[in-house]
Every structure is written in structure tokens, then in C-alpha cells.
Amino acid sequence: MTLKELEPKLLALTPTEKAQAIQLLAQSLSDTSQGIEKTPGVCGGDATIAGTRIPIWSLINYRRLGASDARILQDFPHLSAADLVNAWNYAQAHLEEIEAAIQRNEED
């Protein structure tokens, strides 16, 4: 979709919806998702630690089950502390996406 095609739809939004759209756009500009990638066909297209097949949602779920960062690094020795920081930041910025992925994978 081009900006020209999108413009009438944006202008038709309510003031509240416009504010939400601006917030979403601002978030996407400020979120560089350093060290995180999404590759179609890899891990269902879910966000992963770059260069791995470790989905962010699985790290979040592991943490929720009580694993500390130290334990995660012990269990995934090829990950770095920076990888975890990137994962936690990504998850915080994309909470709905992560929650949906956890739910999807708990149903399987």
C-alpha cells in the first residue's frame, strides 16, 4: 500500500484513532530491534535472536517460569547478556505480539 492510498483512510480516523496511529508509527521509528530478526519460514516467522532459531516468546516464557538471566545464559551458552537485553526490550515494545505467540505455542 502506498502513502497516497493510505492517506484517505488516515484522514477518516477519529481523533483517538489518529493519536493511536501516531503512537504506533513513533514506536516503530524508535524501535530498531537490535539483534532481533524475523524471517519468513523460520520459527513460524516469529521474532528470534539474530542468527539463531531461538524465538523471543520462548525466552519470555522461560523467564516467566522462573528462569533467571544467569540460568538462561547457562542453558543457552551461545547467547550473550546483550542478546537477552535485546530480547527483553523487544518483548516490552511488542507485548501483544509476544503474548499471542506464547498462546499460539501453548495450544500446540
C-alpha atoms as a PDB file:
ATOM      1  CA  MET A   1       0.000   0.000   0.000  1.00  0.00           C
ATOM      2  CA  THR A   2       1.323   3.422  -0.884  1.00  0.00           C
ATOM      3  CA  LEU A   3       1.062   6.553   1.213  1.00  0.00           C
ATOM      4  CA  LYS A   4      -1.273   8.025  -1.391  1.00  0.00           C
ATOM      5  CA  GLU A   5      -3.629   5.043  -0.943  1.00  0.00           C
ATOM      6  CA  LEU A   6      -3.325   5.233   2.831  1.00  0.00           C
ATOM      7  CA  GLU A   7      -3.959   8.968   3.166  1.00  0.00           C
ATOM      8  CA  PRO A   8      -7.800   8.922   2.823  1.00  0.00           C
ATOM      9  CA  LYS A   9      -8.010   6.105   5.360  1.00  0.00           C
ATOM     10  CA  LEU A  10      -5.836   8.003   7.839  1.00  0.00           C
ATOM     11  CA  LEU A  11      -7.879  11.171   7.426  1.00  0.00           C
ATOM     12  CA  ALA A  12     -11.094   9.212   8.073  1.00  0.00           C
ATOM     13  CA  LEU A  13      -9.885   8.043  11.503  1.00  0.00           C
ATOM     14  CA  THR A  14     -11.319   9.513  14.676  1.00  0.00           C
ATOM     15  CA  PRO A  15      -9.029  11.790  16.717  1.00  0.00           C
ATOM     16  CA  THR A  16      -8.406   8.933  19.163  1.00  0.00           C
ATOM     17  CA  GLU A  17      -7.537   6.538  16.350  1.00  0.00           C
ATOM     18  CA  LYS A  18      -5.222   9.137  14.809  1.00  0.00           C
ATOM     19  CA  ALA A  19      -3.411   9.512  18.129  1.00  0.00           C
ATOM     20  CA  GLN A  20      -3.031   5.725  18.325  1.00  0.00           C
ATOM     21  CA  ALA A  21      -1.718   5.632  14.747  1.00  0.00           C
ATOM     22  CA  ILE A  22       0.832   8.331  15.549  1.00  0.00           C
ATOM     23  CA  GLN A  23       1.915   6.437  18.655  1.00  0.00           C
ATOM     24  CA  LEU A  24       2.304   3.235  16.640  1.00  0.00           C
ATOM     25  CA  LEU A  25       4.342   4.992  13.954  1.00  0.00           C
ATOM     26  CA  ALA A  26       6.560   6.726  16.509  1.00  0.00           C
ATOM     27  CA  GLN A  27       7.172   3.414  18.261  1.00  0.00           C
ATOM     28  CA  SER A  28       8.111   1.729  15.003  1.00  0.00           C
ATOM     29  CA  LEU A  29      10.603   4.515  14.227  1.00  0.00           C
ATOM     30  CA  SER A  30      12.256   4.355  17.631  1.00  0.00           C
ATOM     31  CA  ASP A  31      12.330   0.570  17.811  1.00  0.00           C
ATOM     32  CA  THR A  32      15.375  -0.629  15.954  1.00  0.00           C
ATOM     33  CA  SER A  33      15.034  -4.151  17.380  1.00  0.00           C
ATOM     34  CA  GLN A  34      18.774  -4.517  17.524  1.00  0.00           C
ATOM     35  CA  GLY A  35      19.860  -8.144  17.473  1.00  0.00           C
ATOM     36  CA  ILE A  36      16.353  -9.376  16.670  1.00  0.00           C
ATOM     37  CA  GLU A  37      15.147 -10.687  13.345  1.00  0.00           C
ATOM     38  CA  LYS A  38      12.030 -12.094  11.738  1.00  0.00           C
ATOM     39  CA  THR A  39      12.491 -14.460   8.839  1.00  0.00           C
ATOM     40  CA  PRO A  40       9.511 -15.901   6.982  1.00  0.00           C
ATOM     41  CA  GLY A  41       9.551 -19.678   7.296  1.00  0.00           C
ATOM     42  CA  VAL A  42      11.888 -19.691  10.300  1.00  0.00           C
ATOM     43  CA  CYS A  43      10.241 -20.339  13.677  1.00  0.00           C
ATOM     44  CA  GLY A  44       6.870 -19.512  12.172  1.00  0.00           C
ATOM     45  CA  GLY A  45       8.087 -16.024  11.288  1.00  0.00           C
ATOM     46  CA  ASP A  46       8.280 -15.121  14.988  1.00  0.00           C
ATOM     47  CA  ALA A  47      10.956 -12.711  16.227  1.00  0.00           C
ATOM     48  CA  THR A  48      14.168 -14.538  17.119  1.00  0.00           C
ATOM     49  CA  ILE A  49      17.613 -13.712  18.435  1.00  0.00           C
ATOM     50  CA  ALA A  50      19.528 -12.801  15.274  1.00  0.00           C
ATOM     51  CA  GLY A  51      21.451 -15.719  13.803  1.00  0.00           C
ATOM     52  CA  THR A  52      19.575 -18.309  15.883  1.00  0.00           C
ATOM     53  CA  ARG A  53      16.294 -20.166  15.900  1.00  0.00           C
ATOM     54  CA  ILE A  54      15.504 -19.036  19.447  1.00  0.00           C
ATOM     55  CA  PRO A  55      12.169 -17.203  19.494  1.00  0.00           C
ATOM     56  CA  ILE A  56      11.819 -14.226  21.799  1.00  0.00           C
ATOM     57  CA  TRP A  57       8.497 -15.561  23.081  1.00  0.00           C
ATOM     58  CA  SER A  58      10.219 -18.760  24.295  1.00  0.00           C
ATOM     59  CA  LEU A  59      12.770 -16.775  26.293  1.00  0.00           C
ATOM     60  CA  ILE A  60       9.997 -14.679  27.820  1.00  0.00           C
ATOM     61  CA  ASN A  61       8.046 -17.800  28.704  1.00  0.00           C
ATOM     62  CA  TYR A  62      11.149 -19.426  30.209  1.00  0.00           C
ATOM     63  CA  ARG A  63      11.717 -16.326  32.313  1.00  0.00           C
ATOM     64  CA  ARG A  64       8.085 -16.398  33.476  1.00  0.00           C
ATOM     65  CA  LEU A  65       8.587 -19.989  34.574  1.00  0.00           C
ATOM     66  CA  GLY A  66      11.254 -18.726  36.960  1.00  0.00           C
ATOM     67  CA  ALA A  67      14.483 -18.911  34.991  1.00  0.00           C
ATOM     68  CA  SER A  68      16.912 -16.120  35.814  1.00  0.00           C
ATOM     69  CA  ASP A  69      19.028 -14.450  33.160  1.00  0.00           C
ATOM     70  CA  ALA A  70      22.008 -16.398  34.515  1.00  0.00           C
ATOM     71  CA  ARG A  71      20.110 -19.682  34.109  1.00  0.00           C
ATOM     72  CA  ILE A  72      19.050 -18.781  30.565  1.00  0.00           C
ATOM     73  CA  LEU A  73      22.647 -17.942  29.642  1.00  0.00           C
ATOM     74  CA  GLN A  74      23.762 -21.230  31.187  1.00  0.00           C
ATOM     75  CA  ASP A  75      21.157 -23.200  29.231  1.00  0.00           C
ATOM     76  CA  PHE A  76      21.876 -21.291  26.000  1.00  0.00           C
ATOM     77  CA  PRO A  77      25.669 -20.834  26.129  1.00  0.00           C
ATOM     78  CA  HIS A  78      25.813 -19.308  22.639  1.00  0.00           C
ATOM     79  CA  LEU A  79      23.638 -16.372  23.797  1.00  0.00           C
ATOM     80  CA  SER A  80      25.144 -13.265  25.378  1.00  0.00           C
ATOM     81  CA  ALA A  81      23.826 -10.937  28.039  1.00  0.00           C
ATOM     82  CA  ALA A  82      23.335  -8.376  25.248  1.00  0.00           C
ATOM     83  CA  ASP A  83      21.111 -10.876  23.419  1.00  0.00           C
ATOM     84  CA  LEU A  84      18.897 -11.109  26.488  1.00  0.00           C
ATOM     85  CA  VAL A  85      18.737  -7.328  26.886  1.00  0.00           C
ATOM     86  CA  ASN A  86      17.686  -7.086  23.235  1.00  0.00           C
ATOM     87  CA  ALA A  87      15.082  -9.807  23.764  1.00  0.00           C
ATOM     88  CA  TRP A  88      13.601  -8.144  26.869  1.00  0.00           C
ATOM     89  CA  ASN A  89      13.492  -4.754  25.104  1.00  0.00           C
ATOM     90  CA  TYR A  90      11.845  -6.251  22.033  1.00  0.00           C
ATOM     91  CA  ALA A  91       9.274  -8.071  24.153  1.00  0.00           C
ATOM     92  CA  GLN A  92       8.436  -4.909  26.066  1.00  0.00           C
ATOM     93  CA  ALA A  93       7.953  -2.974  22.826  1.00  0.00           C
ATOM     94  CA  HIS A  94       5.889  -5.773  21.223  1.00  0.00           C
ATOM     95  CA  LEU A  95       3.945  -7.175  24.158  1.00  0.00           C
ATOM     96  CA  GLU A  96       0.815  -8.121  22.205  1.00  0.00           C
ATOM     97  CA  GLU A  97       2.873  -9.964  19.577  1.00  0.00           C
ATOM     98  CA  ILE A  98       4.765 -11.912  22.242  1.00  0.00           C
ATOM     99  CA  GLU A  99       1.599 -12.784  24.199  1.00  0.00           C
ATOM    100  CA  ALA A 100      -0.081 -14.025  21.010  1.00  0.00           C
ATOM    101  CA  ALA A 101       2.958 -16.176  20.154  1.00  0.00           C
ATOM    102  CA  ILE A 102       3.015 -17.694  23.645  1.00  0.00           C
ATOM    103  CA  GLN A 103      -0.691 -18.502  23.431  1.00  0.00           C
ATOM    104  CA  ARG A 104      -0.307 -19.974  19.930  1.00  0.00           C
ATOM    105  CA  ASN A 105       2.510 -22.199  21.058  1.00  0.00           C
ATOM    106  CA  GLU A 106       0.840 -23.324  24.276  1.00  0.00           C
ATOM    107  CA  GLU A 107      -2.098 -24.592  22.203  1.00  0.00           C
ATOM    108  CA  ASP A 108       0.156 -26.773  20.031  1.00  0.00           C
END
